Protein backbone atom coordinates (compact mmCIF):
# COMPACT_ATOMS: atom_id res chain seq x y z
CA UNK A 1 14.57 44.93 32.67
CA UNK A 2 15.92 41.54 31.98
CA UNK A 3 19.47 40.72 31.86
CA UNK A 4 21.04 39.55 28.58
CA UNK A 5 21.41 36.03 29.71
CA UNK A 6 17.60 35.75 30.53
CA UNK A 7 16.78 37.29 26.94
CA UNK A 8 19.17 34.88 25.25
CA UNK A 9 17.53 32.01 26.98
CA UNK A 10 14.05 32.96 26.12
CA UNK A 11 15.13 33.29 22.39
CA UNK A 12 16.88 29.93 22.58
CA UNK A 13 13.87 28.22 24.14
CA UNK A 14 11.44 29.78 21.42
CA UNK A 15 13.86 28.66 18.77
CA UNK A 16 13.89 25.22 20.23
CA UNK A 17 10.15 24.94 20.06
CA UNK A 18 9.94 26.25 16.64
CA UNK A 19 12.52 23.71 15.43
CA UNK A 20 10.86 20.76 17.16
CA UNK A 21 7.54 21.77 15.62
CA UNK A 22 9.09 21.59 12.08
CA UNK A 23 10.72 18.40 12.87
CA UNK A 24 7.31 16.93 13.80
CA UNK A 25 5.87 18.31 10.77
CA UNK A 26 8.46 16.61 8.75
CA UNK A 27 7.55 13.26 10.58
CA UNK A 28 3.93 13.67 10.16
CA UNK A 29 4.57 14.39 6.28
CA UNK A 30 6.57 11.36 5.94
CA UNK A 31 4.16 8.97 7.76
CA UNK A 32 1.43 10.40 5.54
CA UNK A 33 3.15 9.68 2.42
CA UNK A 34 4.05 6.17 3.55
CA UNK A 35 0.48 5.48 4.45
CA UNK A 36 -0.67 7.10 1.08
CA UNK A 37 1.67 4.81 -0.94
CA UNK A 38 0.27 1.89 0.69
CA UNK A 39 -3.42 2.83 0.16
CA UNK A 40 -2.32 3.20 -3.60
CA UNK A 41 -0.79 -0.27 -3.65
CA UNK A 42 -3.70 -1.86 -2.11
CA UNK A 43 -6.09 -0.26 -4.43
CA UNK A 44 -4.09 -1.51 -7.45
CA UNK A 45 -3.96 -4.89 -6.08
CA UNK A 46 -7.68 -4.81 -5.31
CA UNK A 47 -8.56 -3.58 -9.06
CA UNK A 48 -6.21 -6.28 -10.41
CA UNK A 49 -8.07 -8.89 -8.31
CA UNK A 50 -11.41 -7.47 -9.22
CA UNK A 51 -10.68 -7.61 -12.91
CA UNK A 52 -9.78 -11.25 -12.71
CA UNK A 53 -12.83 -12.15 -10.80
CA UNK A 54 -15.20 -10.32 -13.27
CA UNK A 55 -13.25 -12.10 -16.30
CA UNK A 56 -14.10 -15.27 -14.59
CA UNK A 57 -17.60 -14.57 -14.13
CA UNK A 58 -18.09 -13.27 -17.69
CA UNK A 59 -16.87 -16.51 -19.10
CA UNK A 60 -20.09 -18.12 -18.33
CA UNK A 61 -22.40 -15.19 -19.48
CA UNK A 62 -22.81 -16.51 -23.02
CA UNK A 63 -22.26 -20.11 -22.16
CA UNK A 64 -25.21 -21.41 -24.14
CA UNK A 65 -24.36 -20.01 -27.41
CA UNK A 66 -20.83 -20.92 -27.17
CA UNK A 67 -21.91 -24.59 -26.53
CA UNK A 68 -23.87 -24.57 -29.49
CA UNK A 69 -20.93 -23.18 -31.59
CA UNK A 70 -18.68 -25.87 -29.97
CA UNK A 71 -21.09 -28.57 -30.67
CA UNK A 72 -21.14 -27.48 -34.43
CA UNK A 73 -17.36 -27.40 -34.40
CA UNK A 74 -16.89 -30.92 -32.94
CA UNK A 75 -19.81 -32.35 -34.91
CA UNK A 76 -18.16 -31.28 -38.31
CA UNK A 77 -14.84 -32.83 -36.95
CA UNK A 78 -16.33 -36.07 -36.13
CA UNK A 79 -18.34 -36.39 -39.18
CA UNK A 80 -15.39 -35.72 -41.37
CA UNK A 81 -13.57 -38.39 -39.60
CA UNK A 82 -16.44 -40.99 -40.10
CA UNK A 83 -16.93 -40.01 -43.84
CA UNK A 84 -13.15 -40.41 -44.29
CA UNK A 85 -13.10 -43.83 -42.82
CA UNK A 86 -16.27 -44.93 -44.81
CA UNK A 87 -14.52 -43.76 -47.97
CA UNK A 88 -11.55 -45.80 -47.13
CA UNK A 89 -13.72 -48.91 -46.45
CA UNK A 90 -15.68 -48.69 -49.68
CA UNK A 91 -12.56 -48.18 -51.83
CA UNK A 92 -11.09 -51.32 -50.07
CA UNK A 93 -14.27 -53.18 -51.23
CA UNK A 94 -14.17 -51.98 -54.75
CA UNK A 95 -10.45 -52.84 -54.97
CA UNK A 96 -11.42 -56.49 -53.91
CA UNK A 97 -14.06 -56.81 -56.68
CA UNK A 98 -12.33 -58.63 -59.42
CA UNK A 99 -14.99 -57.83 -61.96
CA UNK A 100 -16.11 -54.13 -61.50
CA UNK A 101 -18.93 -52.96 -63.44
CA UNK A 102 -19.57 -49.55 -64.89
CA UNK A 103 -23.18 -49.93 -65.39
CA UNK A 104 -25.60 -47.23 -64.63
CA UNK A 105 -27.65 -48.94 -62.38
CA UNK A 106 -24.32 -49.82 -60.24
CA UNK A 107 -23.28 -46.32 -60.27
CA UNK A 108 -26.38 -44.95 -59.07
CA UNK A 109 -26.54 -47.60 -56.28
CA UNK A 110 -23.03 -46.80 -55.18
CA UNK A 111 -23.72 -43.00 -55.13
CA UNK A 112 -26.97 -43.73 -53.06
CA UNK A 113 -24.96 -45.73 -50.65
CA UNK A 114 -22.31 -43.12 -50.31
CA UNK A 115 -24.98 -40.45 -49.67
CA UNK A 116 -26.68 -42.59 -46.97
CA UNK A 117 -23.29 -43.01 -45.40
CA UNK A 118 -22.51 -39.31 -45.58
CA UNK A 119 -25.96 -38.58 -44.05
CA UNK A 120 -25.30 -41.20 -41.38
CA UNK A 121 -21.89 -39.72 -40.52
CA UNK A 122 -23.21 -36.32 -40.53
CA UNK A 123 -26.04 -37.27 -38.02
CA UNK A 124 -23.64 -39.34 -35.90
CA UNK A 125 -21.07 -36.35 -35.92
CA UNK A 126 -23.62 -33.88 -34.90
CA UNK A 127 -24.93 -36.19 -31.97
CA UNK A 128 -21.48 -36.76 -30.84
CA UNK A 129 -20.46 -33.01 -30.95
CA UNK A 130 -23.54 -32.18 -29.08
CA UNK A 131 -22.72 -34.77 -26.51
CA UNK A 132 -18.98 -33.54 -26.06
CA UNK A 133 -19.65 -29.82 -26.42
CA UNK A 134 -20.84 -29.21 -22.79
CA UNK A 135 -18.15 -31.21 -21.21
CA UNK A 136 -15.42 -29.86 -23.48
CA UNK A 137 -16.40 -26.24 -22.87
CA UNK A 138 -16.87 -26.46 -19.36
CA UNK A 139 -13.38 -28.13 -19.03
CA UNK A 140 -11.84 -25.26 -21.02
CA UNK A 141 -13.44 -22.52 -19.15
CA UNK A 142 -12.77 -24.23 -15.57
CA UNK A 143 -9.16 -24.56 -16.42
CA UNK A 144 -9.03 -20.82 -17.32
CA UNK A 145 -10.94 -19.83 -14.05
CA UNK A 146 -8.49 -22.10 -12.15
CA UNK A 147 -5.57 -19.82 -13.68
CA UNK A 148 -7.48 -16.66 -12.81
CA UNK A 149 -8.12 -17.90 -9.13
CA UNK A 150 -4.40 -18.84 -8.88
CA UNK A 151 -3.50 -15.26 -9.89
CA UNK A 152 -5.98 -13.87 -7.56
CA UNK A 153 -4.35 -15.91 -4.55
CA UNK A 154 -0.99 -14.48 -5.74
CA UNK A 155 -2.31 -11.00 -5.53
CA UNK A 156 -3.49 -11.65 -1.98
CA UNK A 157 0.02 -12.60 -1.14
CA UNK A 158 1.36 -9.45 -2.56
CA UNK A 159 -1.27 -7.45 -0.44
CA UNK A 160 -0.22 -9.22 2.75
CA UNK A 161 3.44 -8.51 1.84
CA UNK A 162 2.80 -4.89 1.19
CA UNK A 163 0.87 -4.55 4.45
CA UNK A 164 3.71 -6.39 6.49
CA UNK A 165 6.30 -3.66 5.53
CA UNK A 166 4.19 -0.62 6.53
CA UNK A 167 5.48 -0.75 10.07
CA UNK A 168 8.87 -0.51 8.85
CA UNK A 169 7.99 2.38 6.55
CA UNK A 170 6.44 4.28 9.35
CA UNK A 171 9.50 3.51 11.47
CA UNK A 172 11.78 5.01 8.95
CA UNK A 173 9.38 8.06 8.56
CA UNK A 174 9.88 8.67 12.24
CA UNK A 175 13.41 9.57 11.51
CA UNK A 176 12.59 12.36 9.01
CA UNK A 177 13.11 14.96 11.34
CA UNK A 178 15.88 13.65 13.49
CA UNK A 179 18.39 16.33 12.49
CA UNK A 180 15.85 18.90 13.35
CA UNK A 181 15.15 17.42 16.54
CA UNK A 182 18.78 17.22 17.51
CA UNK A 183 19.22 20.86 16.71
CA UNK A 184 16.18 21.72 18.68
CA UNK A 185 17.31 19.83 21.71
CA UNK A 186 20.63 21.74 21.70
CA UNK A 187 18.74 25.04 21.30
CA UNK A 188 16.44 23.99 24.17
CA UNK A 189 19.39 22.97 26.22
CA UNK A 190 21.27 26.28 25.70
CA UNK A 191 18.12 28.13 26.52
CA UNK A 192 17.72 26.56 29.72
CA UNK A 193 21.23 27.18 30.78
CA UNK A 194 20.93 30.86 29.69
CA UNK A 195 17.62 31.29 31.77
CA UNK A 196 19.33 29.56 34.70
CA UNK A 197 22.22 31.90 34.55
CA UNK A 198 20.22 34.97 34.10
CA UNK A 199 17.92 34.00 37.04
CA UNK A 200 20.91 33.54 39.16
CA UNK A 201 22.45 36.81 38.36
CA UNK A 202 19.10 38.67 38.90
CA UNK A 203 18.80 36.89 42.18
CA UNK A 204 22.02 37.92 43.48
CA UNK A 205 21.43 41.69 42.63
CA UNK A 206 17.87 42.04 43.52
CA UNK A 207 17.48 39.96 46.76
CA UNK A 208 20.79 40.52 48.45
CA UNK A 209 21.21 44.25 48.53
CA UNK A 210 23.97 46.14 50.15
CA UNK A 211 23.55 46.81 53.83
CA UNK A 212 22.45 50.40 54.68
CA UNK A 213 24.72 52.96 56.22
CA UNK A 214 24.11 54.58 59.51
CA UNK A 215 22.45 58.01 59.07
CA UNK A 216 24.61 61.05 59.46
CA UNK A 217 23.79 63.16 62.44
CA UNK A 218 24.08 67.02 62.62
CA UNK A 219 23.99 67.39 66.37
CA UNK A 220 24.53 70.78 68.07
CA UNK A 221 24.16 69.39 71.79
CA UNK A 222 26.72 68.53 74.38
CA UNK A 223 29.74 67.01 73.17
CA UNK A 224 29.51 63.84 75.51
CA UNK A 225 25.76 63.06 74.42
CA UNK A 226 26.77 63.51 70.83
CA UNK A 227 29.60 61.01 71.12
CA UNK A 228 27.21 58.45 72.84
CA UNK A 229 24.61 58.80 70.26
CA UNK A 230 27.20 58.35 67.45
CA UNK A 231 28.60 55.22 69.33
CA UNK A 232 24.85 53.89 69.43
CA UNK A 233 24.07 54.41 65.77
CA UNK A 234 27.45 52.88 64.63
CA UNK A 235 27.01 49.93 66.82
CA UNK A 236 27.63 46.61 64.74
CA UNK A 237 24.34 44.60 64.09
CA UNK A 238 22.00 47.62 64.60
CA UNK A 239 21.18 47.67 60.89
């Protein structure tokens, strides 16, 4: 049967093992949480960058139709500018005419010339709009894409910065079970001392028994022989 010291040492050692196991479990959980948080951050950055990249590609998906719309818009603008300028020139000529006429022939001729000028201006405006549309639309989309690419570069910087702090987070996670580890170490130390104490006590009891006593003789023979045998049996160092 084990002595109380040995039993206490075994119990403390077992408690130390359980405590250290719980502490390591806390550390593993904290590390897993840190890595999971980093994965979520990286996935979020990847989604943002992917959305910007898709947006940049989609800008050129309907480029031809957008170019036609831009050409029409620019053509109307340039035509309006030429017509306005032509009207101003015509008005200046009329104002310089000291003898204006209101004959039907003159009015019809003036209207005809104004119509011809308007048609010419419209054609010139449309041609100029077609000429300018491609470069104008491409320049606008290229500027927008440049902003998107700059944002993607910033996201890449965020990704690298997030990755750089993961070792620090893991190092902090390793401290999650420090309190339990310390308690477990104390229990282990106490268990070791108790077992050592128990083994020492058991060793002194079991391995160093008391010296046996000489047997008792019930002698019925001569008195002198009996005395000699007693002397022999009780001789020091015999047992």
